[in-house]
C-alpha atoms as a PDB file:
ATOM      1  CA  MET A   1      -8.672 -13.909 -15.896  1.00  0.00           C
ATOM      2  CA  LEU A   2      -6.368 -12.050 -13.240  1.00  0.00           C
ATOM      3  CA  ALA A   3      -6.690  -8.794 -11.257  1.00  0.00           C
ATOM      4  CA  ASP A   4      -4.400  -7.010  -8.740  1.00  0.00           C
ATOM      5  CA  LEU A   5      -6.019  -4.459  -6.373  1.00  0.00           C
ATOM      6  CA  HIS A   6      -3.011  -3.243  -4.464  1.00  0.00           C
ATOM      7  CA  ILE A   7       0.020  -1.466  -6.430  1.00  0.00           C
ATOM      8  CA  HIS A   8       2.395   1.187  -5.722  1.00  0.00           C
ATOM      9  CA  THR A   9       3.851   3.578  -8.216  1.00  0.00           C
ATOM     10  CA  THR A  10       6.609   6.381  -8.266  1.00  0.00           C
ATOM     11  CA  PHE A  11       3.917   8.616  -6.750  1.00  0.00           C
ATOM     12  CA  SER A  12       4.510   7.048  -3.387  1.00  0.00           C
ATOM     13  CA  ASP A  13       7.230   4.338  -2.521  1.00  0.00           C
ATOM     14  CA  GLY A  14       6.821   2.253  -5.719  1.00  0.00           C
ATOM     15  CA  VAL A  15       9.933   2.012  -8.315  1.00  0.00           C
ATOM     16  CA  TYR A  16       7.696   1.950 -11.403  1.00  0.00           C
ATOM     17  CA  THR A  17       5.916   4.775 -12.964  1.00  0.00           C
ATOM     18  CA  PRO A  18       1.986   4.492 -13.838  1.00  0.00           C
ATOM     19  CA  GLU A  19       3.165   3.679 -17.477  1.00  0.00           C
ATOM     20  CA  LYS A  20       5.322   0.996 -16.579  1.00  0.00           C
ATOM     21  CA  ILE A  21       2.532  -0.660 -14.197  1.00  0.00           C
ATOM     22  CA  ILE A  22       0.169  -0.562 -17.232  1.00  0.00           C
ATOM     23  CA  ALA A  23       2.931  -2.135 -19.478  1.00  0.00           C
ATOM     24  CA  GLN A  24       3.402  -4.904 -16.907  1.00  0.00           C
ATOM     25  CA  ALA A  25      -0.184  -5.601 -16.571  1.00  0.00           C
ATOM     26  CA  ARG A  26      -0.651  -5.889 -20.306  1.00  0.00           C
ATOM     27  CA  VAL A  27       1.954  -8.315 -20.577  1.00  0.00           C
ATOM     28  CA  SER A  28       0.966 -10.246 -17.563  1.00  0.00           C
ATOM     29  CA  GLY A  29      -2.472 -10.539 -18.870  1.00  0.00           C
ATOM     30  CA  ILE A  30      -4.169  -8.871 -15.838  1.00  0.00           C
ATOM     31  CA  ALA A  31      -7.475  -7.432 -16.602  1.00  0.00           C
ATOM     32  CA  ALA A  32      -8.215  -5.114 -13.825  1.00  0.00           C
ATOM     33  CA  ILE A  33      -5.912  -3.168 -11.487  1.00  0.00           C
ATOM     34  CA  ALA A  34      -5.938  -0.720  -8.824  1.00  0.00           C
ATOM     35  CA  ILE A  35      -3.165   1.795  -8.036  1.00  0.00           C
ATOM     36  CA  THR A  36      -3.005   2.240  -4.339  1.00  0.00           C
ATOM     37  CA  ASP A  37      -0.227   4.829  -3.485  1.00  0.00           C
ATOM     38  CA  HIS A  38       0.231   5.763   0.173  1.00  0.00           C
ATOM     39  CA  ASP A  39      -2.075   8.769   1.008  1.00  0.00           C
ATOM     40  CA  ASN A  40      -2.292  10.168  -2.696  1.00  0.00           C
ATOM     41  CA  ILE A  41      -4.215   9.499  -5.890  1.00  0.00           C
ATOM     42  CA  GLN A  42      -2.219  11.290  -8.514  1.00  0.00           C
ATOM     43  CA  ALA A  43      -1.171   8.181 -10.383  1.00  0.00           C
ATOM     44  CA  TYR A  44      -4.557   7.360 -11.615  1.00  0.00           C
ATOM     45  CA  ASP A  45      -4.748  10.161 -14.372  1.00  0.00           C
ATOM     46  CA  ARG A  46      -1.506   9.072 -15.955  1.00  0.00           C
ATOM     47  CA  ALA A  47      -2.493   5.480 -15.697  1.00  0.00           C
ATOM     48  CA  ALA A  48      -5.907   6.132 -17.375  1.00  0.00           C
ATOM     49  CA  ARG A  49      -4.438   8.123 -20.146  1.00  0.00           C
ATOM     50  CA  THR A  50      -1.976   5.436 -20.964  1.00  0.00           C
ATOM     51  CA  ILE A  51      -4.821   2.936 -21.182  1.00  0.00           C
ATOM     52  CA  HIS A  52      -6.737   5.220 -23.211  1.00  0.00           C
ATOM     53  CA  PHE A  53      -4.208   6.271 -25.606  1.00  0.00           C
ATOM     54  CA  ARG A  54      -3.051   2.655 -26.013  1.00  0.00           C
ATOM     55  CA  HIS A  55      -6.414   1.396 -26.471  1.00  0.00           C
ATOM     56  CA  LEU A  56      -5.874  -1.360 -23.922  1.00  0.00           C
ATOM     57  CA  GLY A  57      -8.809  -3.270 -22.378  1.00  0.00           C
ATOM     58  CA  ILE A  58      -7.359  -3.066 -18.833  1.00  0.00           C
ATOM     59  CA  GLN A  59     -10.127  -1.944 -16.096  1.00  0.00           C
ATOM     60  CA  LEU A  60      -8.474   0.825 -13.937  1.00  0.00           C
ATOM     61  CA  ILE A  61     -10.156   1.120 -10.419  1.00  0.00           C
ATOM     62  CA  ARG A  62      -9.257   4.307  -8.555  1.00  0.00           C
ATOM     63  CA  GLY A  63      -7.749   3.416  -5.124  1.00  0.00           C
ATOM     64  CA  VAL A  64      -5.629   4.591  -2.237  1.00  0.00           C
ATOM     65  CA  GLU A  65      -3.724   3.016   0.798  1.00  0.00           C
ATOM     66  CA  ILE A  66      -4.271   5.164   3.843  1.00  0.00           C
ATOM     67  CA  ASP A  67      -1.846   4.378   6.900  1.00  0.00           C
ATOM     68  CA  THR A  68      -3.345   4.334  10.248  1.00  0.00           C
ATOM     69  CA  ASP A  69      -2.630   3.294  13.839  1.00  0.00           C
ATOM     70  CA  TYR A  70      -4.586   0.966  16.150  1.00  0.00           C
ATOM     71  CA  LYS A  71      -3.235   0.291  19.644  1.00  0.00           C
ATOM     72  CA  GLY A  72       0.275   0.791  18.466  1.00  0.00           C
ATOM     73  CA  LYS A  73      -0.015  -1.593  15.262  1.00  0.00           C
ATOM     74  CA  ASP A  74       0.231  -0.290  11.716  1.00  0.00           C
ATOM     75  CA  VAL A  75      -3.100  -0.898  10.118  1.00  0.00           C
ATOM     76  CA  HIS A  76      -3.585  -0.116   6.479  1.00  0.00           C
ATOM     77  CA  VAL A  77      -6.804   0.819   4.848  1.00  0.00           C
ATOM     78  CA  LEU A  78      -7.487   0.494   1.031  1.00  0.00           C
ATOM     79  CA  GLY A  79     -10.083   2.626  -0.354  1.00  0.00           C
ATOM     80  CA  TYR A  80     -11.807   2.166  -3.847  1.00  0.00           C
ATOM     81  CA  HIS A  81     -14.359   4.027  -6.010  1.00  0.00           C
ATOM     82  CA  PHE A  82     -14.283   7.245  -3.883  1.00  0.00           C
ATOM     83  CA  ASP A  83     -15.049  10.630  -5.162  1.00  0.00           C
ATOM     84  CA  PRO A  84     -11.585  12.052  -5.918  1.00  0.00           C
ATOM     85  CA  GLU A  85     -12.813  15.624  -5.308  1.00  0.00           C
ATOM     86  CA  ASN A  86     -13.833  15.052  -1.954  1.00  0.00           C
ATOM     87  CA  GLN A  87     -12.153  17.798   0.099  1.00  0.00           C
ATOM     88  CA  PRO A  88     -12.268  15.910   3.453  1.00  0.00           C
ATOM     89  CA  LEU A  89     -10.820  12.980   2.178  1.00  0.00           C
ATOM     90  CA  LEU A  90      -8.134  15.016   0.458  1.00  0.00           C
ATOM     91  CA  GLN A  91      -7.168  17.155   3.442  1.00  0.00           C
ATOM     92  CA  ALA A  92      -6.712  14.015   5.681  1.00  0.00           C
ATOM     93  CA  MET A  93      -4.259  12.434   3.026  1.00  0.00           C
ATOM     94  CA  ALA A  94      -2.368  15.673   2.711  1.00  0.00           C
ATOM     95  CA  TRP A  95      -2.117  15.701   6.646  1.00  0.00           C
ATOM     96  CA  THR A  96      -0.726  12.040   6.738  1.00  0.00           C
ATOM     97  CA  ARG A  97       1.915  12.966   3.902  1.00  0.00           C
ATOM     98  CA  VAL A  98       3.145  15.750   6.375  1.00  0.00           C
ATOM     99  CA  GLY A  99       3.477  13.387   9.125  1.00  0.00           C
ATOM    100  CA  ARG A 100       5.311  11.173   6.760  1.00  0.00           C
ATOM    101  CA  ILE A 101       8.182  13.883   6.249  1.00  0.00           C
ATOM    102  CA  THR A 102       8.274  14.346  10.110  1.00  0.00           C
ATOM    103  CA  ARG A 103       8.925  10.682  10.496  1.00  0.00           C
ATOM    104  CA  ILE A 104      11.463  10.505   7.669  1.00  0.00           C
ATOM    105  CA  ARG A 105      13.525  13.315   9.215  1.00  0.00           C
ATOM    106  CA  LYS A 106      13.398  11.263  12.464  1.00  0.00           C
ATOM    107  CA  ILE A 107      14.734   8.010  11.133  1.00  0.00           C
ATOM    108  CA  ILE A 108      17.243  10.161   9.048  1.00  0.00           C
ATOM    109  CA  GLN A 109      18.728  11.487  12.387  1.00  0.00           C
ATOM    110  CA  LYS A 110      18.785   7.887  14.037  1.00  0.00           C
ATOM    111  CA  ILE A 111      20.473   6.418  11.117  1.00  0.00           C
ATOM    112  CA  ASN A 112      23.150   9.310  11.136  1.00  0.00           C
ATOM    113  CA  GLN A 113      23.668   8.443  14.828  1.00  0.00           C
ATOM    114  CA  LEU A 114      24.245   4.797  13.840  1.00  0.00           C
ATOM    115  CA  GLY A 115      27.241   5.914  11.552  1.00  0.00           C
ATOM    116  CA  TYR A 116      25.444   5.867   8.175  1.00  0.00           C
ATOM    117  CA  PRO A 117      25.706   8.783   5.918  1.00  0.00           C
ATOM    118  CA  ILE A 118      22.202   9.933   4.526  1.00  0.00           C
ATOM    119  CA  THR A 119      20.580  13.249   4.122  1.00  0.00           C
ATOM    120  CA  LEU A 120      16.824  14.318   3.530  1.00  0.00           C
ATOM    121  CA  GLU A 121      17.877  15.802   0.334  1.00  0.00           C
ATOM    122  CA  GLU A 122      19.171  12.458  -0.924  1.00  0.00           C
ATOM    123  CA  VAL A 123      15.859  10.714  -0.011  1.00  0.00           C
ATOM    124  CA  ARG A 124      13.763  13.645  -1.804  1.00  0.00           C
ATOM    125  CA  GLU A 125      16.030  12.972  -4.867  1.00  0.00           C
ATOM    126  CA  GLU A 126      15.607   9.227  -4.681  1.00  0.00           C
ATOM    127  CA  ALA A 127      11.772   9.876  -4.312  1.00  0.00           C
ATOM    128  CA  HIS A 128      11.814  11.594  -7.774  1.00  0.00           C
ATOM    129  CA  GLY A 129       8.976  14.152  -6.550  1.00  0.00           C
ATOM    130  CA  SER A 130       6.739  11.520  -4.869  1.00  0.00           C
ATOM    131  CA  LYS A 131       3.980  12.912  -2.653  1.00  0.00           C
ATOM    132  CA  SER A 132       4.482  10.379  -0.162  1.00  0.00           C
ATOM    133  CA  LEU A 133       8.036   9.838   1.198  1.00  0.00           C
ATOM    134  CA  GLY A 134       8.502   6.477   2.897  1.00  0.00           C
ATOM    135  CA  ARG A 135      11.121   4.320   4.375  1.00  0.00           C
ATOM    136  CA  PRO A 136      11.814   2.354   0.908  1.00  0.00           C
ATOM    137  CA  HIS A 137      13.257   5.735  -0.272  1.00  0.00           C
ATOM    138  CA  ILE A 138      15.670   5.571   2.597  1.00  0.00           C
ATOM    139  CA  ALA A 139      16.509   2.041   1.816  1.00  0.00           C
ATOM    140  CA  ARG A 140      17.124   2.730  -1.812  1.00  0.00           C
ATOM    141  CA  VAL A 141      19.647   5.608  -1.137  1.00  0.00           C
ATOM    142  CA  LEU A 142      21.689   3.331   1.215  1.00  0.00           C
ATOM    143  CA  VAL A 143      21.793   0.437  -1.313  1.00  0.00           C
ATOM    144  CA  LYS A 144      22.864   2.925  -3.896  1.00  0.00           C
ATOM    145  CA  LYS A 145      25.765   4.025  -1.521  1.00  0.00           C
ATOM    146  CA  GLY A 146      26.800   0.491  -1.358  1.00  0.00           C
ATOM    147  CA  LEU A 147      25.984   0.285   2.398  1.00  0.00           C
ATOM    148  CA  PHE A 148      23.637  -2.571   1.998  1.00  0.00           C
ATOM    149  CA  SER A 149      23.209  -5.402  -0.560  1.00  0.00           C
ATOM    150  CA  HIS A 150      19.184  -4.528  -1.169  1.00  0.00           C
ATOM    151  CA  THR A 151      16.375  -2.668   0.203  1.00  0.00           C
ATOM    152  CA  GLN A 152      14.995  -5.553   2.431  1.00  0.00           C
ATOM    153  CA  ALA A 153      18.468  -5.780   4.192  1.00  0.00           C
ATOM    154  CA  VAL A 154      18.117  -2.130   5.327  1.00  0.00           C
ATOM    155  CA  PHE A 155      14.503  -2.921   6.788  1.00  0.00           C
ATOM    156  CA  ASP A 156      15.782  -5.828   8.486  1.00  0.00           C
ATOM    157  CA  ALA A 157      18.933  -4.046  10.098  1.00  0.00           C
ATOM    158  CA  LEU A 158      17.716  -0.489  10.408  1.00  0.00           C
ATOM    159  CA  ILE A 159      14.140   0.614   9.635  1.00  0.00           C
ATOM    160  CA  ALA A 160      11.701  -2.400  10.146  1.00  0.00           C
ATOM    161  CA  SER A 161       9.558  -2.079  13.388  1.00  0.00           C
ATOM    162  CA  GLY A 162      11.806  -2.895  16.409  1.00  0.00           C
ATOM    163  CA  ARG A 163      14.925  -2.059  14.704  1.00  0.00           C
ATOM    164  CA  PRO A 164      17.326   0.757  15.854  1.00  0.00           C
ATOM    165  CA  ALA A 165      16.326   3.621  13.477  1.00  0.00           C
ATOM    166  CA  TYR A 166      12.515   2.876  13.527  1.00  0.00           C
ATOM    167  CA  CYS A 167      10.206   5.559  14.339  1.00  0.00           C
ATOM    168  CA  ARG A 168       6.325   5.398  14.502  1.00  0.00           C
ATOM    169  CA  GLN A 169       4.333   8.084  12.719  1.00  0.00           C
ATOM    170  CA  VAL A 170       1.374   9.937  14.162  1.00  0.00           C
ATOM    171  CA  LYS A 171      -1.648   8.653  12.212  1.00  0.00           C
ATOM    172  CA  MET A 172      -5.376   8.700  12.194  1.00  0.00           C
ATOM    173  CA  GLN A 173      -7.452   5.648  13.552  1.00  0.00           C
ATOM    174  CA  PRO A 174      -8.806   3.027  11.046  1.00  0.00           C
ATOM    175  CA  LYS A 175     -12.395   4.113  11.924  1.00  0.00           C
ATOM    176  CA  GLU A 176     -11.434   7.702  10.903  1.00  0.00           C
ATOM    177  CA  ALA A 177     -10.007   6.460   7.544  1.00  0.00           C
ATOM    178  CA  VAL A 178     -13.029   4.204   6.812  1.00  0.00           C
ATOM    179  CA  ASP A 179     -15.557   7.153   7.578  1.00  0.00           C
ATOM    180  CA  LEU A 180     -13.668   9.335   5.580  1.00  0.00           C
ATOM    181  CA  LEU A 181     -13.872   6.743   2.630  1.00  0.00           C
ATOM    182  CA  HIS A 182     -17.552   6.175   3.215  1.00  0.00           C
ATOM    183  CA  ARG A 183     -18.574   9.864   3.107  1.00  0.00           C
ATOM    184  CA  ALA A 184     -16.557  10.070  -0.165  1.00  0.00           C
ATOM    185  CA  GLY A 185     -18.610   7.414  -1.629  1.00  0.00           C
ATOM    186  CA  GLY A 186     -16.062   4.777  -1.456  1.00  0.00           C
ATOM    187  CA  ILE A 187     -15.582   1.394   0.034  1.00  0.00           C
ATOM    188  CA  ALA A 188     -12.930   0.390   2.509  1.00  0.00           C
ATOM    189  CA  VAL A 189     -10.965  -2.959   2.685  1.00  0.00           C
ATOM    190  CA  LEU A 190      -8.481  -3.765   5.590  1.00  0.00           C
ATOM    191  CA  ALA A 191      -5.082  -4.409   3.816  1.00  0.00           C
ATOM    192  CA  HIS A 192      -2.860  -7.297   4.615  1.00  0.00           C
ATOM    193  CA  PRO A 193      -4.282  -8.630   7.981  1.00  0.00           C
ATOM    194  CA  ALA A 194      -1.390 -11.210   8.018  1.00  0.00           C
ATOM    195  CA  GLU A 195       1.137  -8.336   8.319  1.00  0.00           C
ATOM    196  CA  ILE A 196      -0.637  -7.266  11.700  1.00  0.00           C
ATOM    197  CA  GLY A 197       0.535 -10.326  13.190  1.00  0.00           C
ATOM    198  CA  ASN A 198      -2.315 -10.828  15.660  1.00  0.00           C
ATOM    199  CA  PRO A 199      -5.322 -12.664  14.299  1.00  0.00           C
ATOM    200  CA  ASP A 200      -7.409 -11.722  17.621  1.00  0.00           C
ATOM    201  CA  LEU A 201      -6.543  -8.074  16.920  1.00  0.00           C
ATOM    202  CA  VAL A 202      -7.873  -8.492  13.564  1.00  0.00           C
ATOM    203  CA  GLU A 203     -10.958  -9.883  14.730  1.00  0.00           C
ATOM    204  CA  GLU A 204     -11.349  -7.005  17.103  1.00  0.00           C
ATOM    205  CA  LEU A 205     -10.951  -4.692  14.126  1.00  0.00           C
ATOM    206  CA  LEU A 206     -13.578  -6.171  12.145  1.00  0.00           C
ATOM    207  CA  ASP A 207     -15.868  -6.100  14.993  1.00  0.00           C
ATOM    208  CA  ARG A 208     -15.292  -2.368  15.683  1.00  0.00           C
ATOM    209  CA  VAL A 209     -14.576  -0.770  12.336  1.00  0.00           C
ATOM    210  CA  PRO A 210     -17.182  -0.774   9.560  1.00  0.00           C
ATOM    211  CA  PHE A 211     -15.027  -2.441   6.757  1.00  0.00           C
ATOM    212  CA  ASP A 212     -16.592  -3.459   3.499  1.00  0.00           C
ATOM    213  CA  GLY A 213     -13.939  -6.049   2.655  1.00  0.00           C
ATOM    214  CA  MET A 214     -10.722  -7.623   3.485  1.00  0.00           C
ATOM    215  CA  GLU A 215      -7.493  -8.386   1.640  1.00  0.00           C
ATOM    216  CA  VAL A 216      -7.538 -12.125   1.687  1.00  0.00           C
ATOM    217  CA  TRP A 217      -4.941 -12.777  -0.925  1.00  0.00           C
ATOM    218  CA  HIS A 218      -1.394 -10.790  -0.299  1.00  0.00           C
ATOM    219  CA  PRO A 219       2.147 -12.115  -0.444  1.00  0.00           C
ATOM    220  CA  SER A 220       2.308 -11.817   3.273  1.00  0.00           C
ATOM    221  CA  ILE A 221       0.018 -15.135   3.383  1.00  0.00           C
ATOM    222  CA  LEU A 222       3.050 -16.976   2.147  1.00  0.00           C
ATOM    223  CA  LYS A 223       5.227 -16.407   5.329  1.00  0.00           C
ATOM    224  CA  GLU A 224       2.465 -17.478   7.536  1.00  0.00           C
ATOM    225  CA  LYS A 225       3.280 -20.564   9.702  1.00  0.00           C
ATOM    226  CA  PRO A 226       0.743 -22.111  10.105  1.00  0.00           C
ATOM    227  CA  PRO A 227      -1.513 -20.322   7.456  1.00  0.00           C
ATOM    228  CA  HIS A 228      -4.476 -18.507   8.753  1.00  0.00           C
ATOM    229  CA  ASP A 229      -7.859 -18.887   7.001  1.00  0.00           C
ATOM    230  CA  TRP A 230      -8.323 -15.342   6.044  1.00  0.00           C
ATOM    231  CA  LEU A 231     -10.953 -16.321   3.569  1.00  0.00           C
ATOM    232  CA  GLN A 232     -12.988 -17.752   6.159  1.00  0.00           C
ATOM    233  CA  VAL A 233     -12.674 -14.816   8.486  1.00  0.00           C
ATOM    234  CA  ALA A 234     -13.734 -12.596   5.700  1.00  0.00           C
ATOM    235  CA  LYS A 235     -16.820 -14.870   5.103  1.00  0.00           C
ATOM    236  CA  ASN A 236     -17.627 -14.875   8.758  1.00  0.00           C
ATOM    237  CA  HIS A 237     -17.823 -10.949   8.915  1.00  0.00           C
ATOM    238  CA  GLY A 238     -19.841 -10.842   5.595  1.00  0.00           C
ATOM    239  CA  LEU A 239     -17.056  -8.924   3.798  1.00  0.00           C
ATOM    240  CA  LEU A 240     -15.972  -8.616   0.275  1.00  0.00           C
ATOM    241  CA  THR A 241     -12.800 -10.427  -0.464  1.00  0.00           C
ATOM    242  CA  SER A 242      -9.992  -8.608  -2.025  1.00  0.00           C
ATOM    243  CA  GLY A 243      -6.349  -9.206  -3.239  1.00  0.00           C
ATOM    244  CA  GLY A 244      -3.305  -7.534  -4.381  1.00  0.00           C
ATOM    245  CA  SER A 245       0.590  -8.047  -4.790  1.00  0.00           C
ATOM    246  CA  ASP A 246       1.336  -5.017  -2.931  1.00  0.00           C
ATOM    247  CA  LEU A 247       3.737  -4.361  -5.668  1.00  0.00           C
ATOM    248  CA  HIS A 248       6.631  -1.828  -5.000  1.00  0.00           C
ATOM    249  CA  GLY A 249       9.227  -3.169  -7.270  1.00  0.00           C
ATOM    250  CA  ASN A 250      12.188  -3.347  -4.786  1.00  0.00           C
ATOM    251  CA  PRO A 251      14.687  -5.890  -5.210  1.00  0.00           C
ATOM    252  CA  GLY A 252      14.706  -8.429  -2.231  1.00  0.00           C
ATOM    253  CA  ARG A 253      11.125  -7.919  -1.764  1.00  0.00           C
ATOM    254  CA  PHE A 254       8.472 -10.371  -3.472  1.00  0.00           C
ATOM    255  CA  PRO A 255       6.997  -9.896  -5.948  1.00  0.00           C
ATOM    256  CA  LEU A 256       9.378  -7.791  -8.207  1.00  0.00           C
ATOM    257  CA  HIS A 257       6.803  -7.494 -11.300  1.00  0.00           C
ATOM    258  CA  LEU A 258       3.067  -7.821 -11.648  1.00  0.00           C
ATOM    259  CA  GLY A 259       1.834 -11.273 -12.353  1.00  0.00           C
ATOM    260  CA  GLU A 260       4.354 -12.844  -9.934  1.00  0.00           C
ATOM    261  CA  PHE A 261       1.700 -13.121  -7.337  1.00  0.00           C
ATOM    262  CA  PRO A 262      -1.564 -14.092  -9.418  1.00  0.00           C
ATOM    263  CA  ILE A 263      -4.862 -13.171  -8.206  1.00  0.00           C
ATOM    264  CA  SER A 264      -7.984 -14.424  -9.818  1.00  0.00           C
ATOM    265  CA  TYR A 265     -10.576 -11.780 -11.005  1.00  0.00           C
ATOM    266  CA  GLU A 266     -13.692 -13.766  -9.906  1.00  0.00           C
ATOM    267  CA  ASN A 267     -12.250 -13.786  -6.300  1.00  0.00           C
ATOM    268  CA  VAL A 268     -12.166 -10.043  -6.144  1.00  0.00           C
ATOM    269  CA  LYS A 269     -15.038  -9.165  -8.411  1.00  0.00           C
ATOM    270  CA  GLY A 270     -17.138  -7.554  -5.705  1.00  0.00           C
ATOM    271  CA  VAL A 271     -14.421  -4.956  -5.056  1.00  0.00           C
ATOM    272  CA  ILE A 272     -13.883  -4.432  -8.473  1.00  0.00           C
ATOM    273  CA  GLU A 273     -17.471  -3.595  -9.255  1.00  0.00           C
ATOM    274  CA  GLY A 274     -17.714  -1.424  -5.901  1.00  0.00           C
ATOM    275  CA  LYS A 275     -20.206  -3.499  -4.226  1.00  0.00           C
ATOM    276  CA  LYS A 276     -21.318  -3.146  -0.706  1.00  0.00           C
ATOM    277  CA  ILE A 277     -22.474  -6.157   1.268  1.00  0.00           C
END
């Protein structure tokens, strides 16, 4: 039995609607999913309605991915099982979304200065009303203009960390996000530690921030050389183990569809059930 607890939709920077995500989960035989859009939770209701009206047996867990900053590194916090009406959490997510727009404006300005034509209006149009504008929206516009072959090429050339059009965003600290999730009755999971690129910094985070779990299984582990034993790290810190494909659906970024990065339900059962160790 499979699960996937890290998925993005058109409500942030994903390609697929909540309805298409549910359809892919059904075809792939995934028993439990969590939609974890960046800094908003609006896809949940549409996904839940789809499951209900189609009489599907898919278990849907409420989730979100909150972007934070720790010592200049992007640290993402996955939240699950929180109260969706909790005002401090909703206000914090709204604050982060405003910061995203400011960042996108700055990135677009840099891209223009590098000679690539793109406007904020084009990015908004590509986002189809998404509440969380992100770099993938910029990448898709440039691909559609024929300036790059695929979205990953845009990241590699322009907008990944260290590239000429990259800009950092003002964000909350990881502990602030974790505390917000806890006060909202949820659990907090450190997302894709391999992407942080510094195992010692991950250990420091786990010592200082009261995470409930860690995303042990994520596509980023496939690129690690040598591979790090994140499962053992989670065990050493007494954390729940989680996993997800981090699906966005962008050509050039693995995976392209649900089920291509399979995760065992049993391995992430504690997060699915909302347990705290």
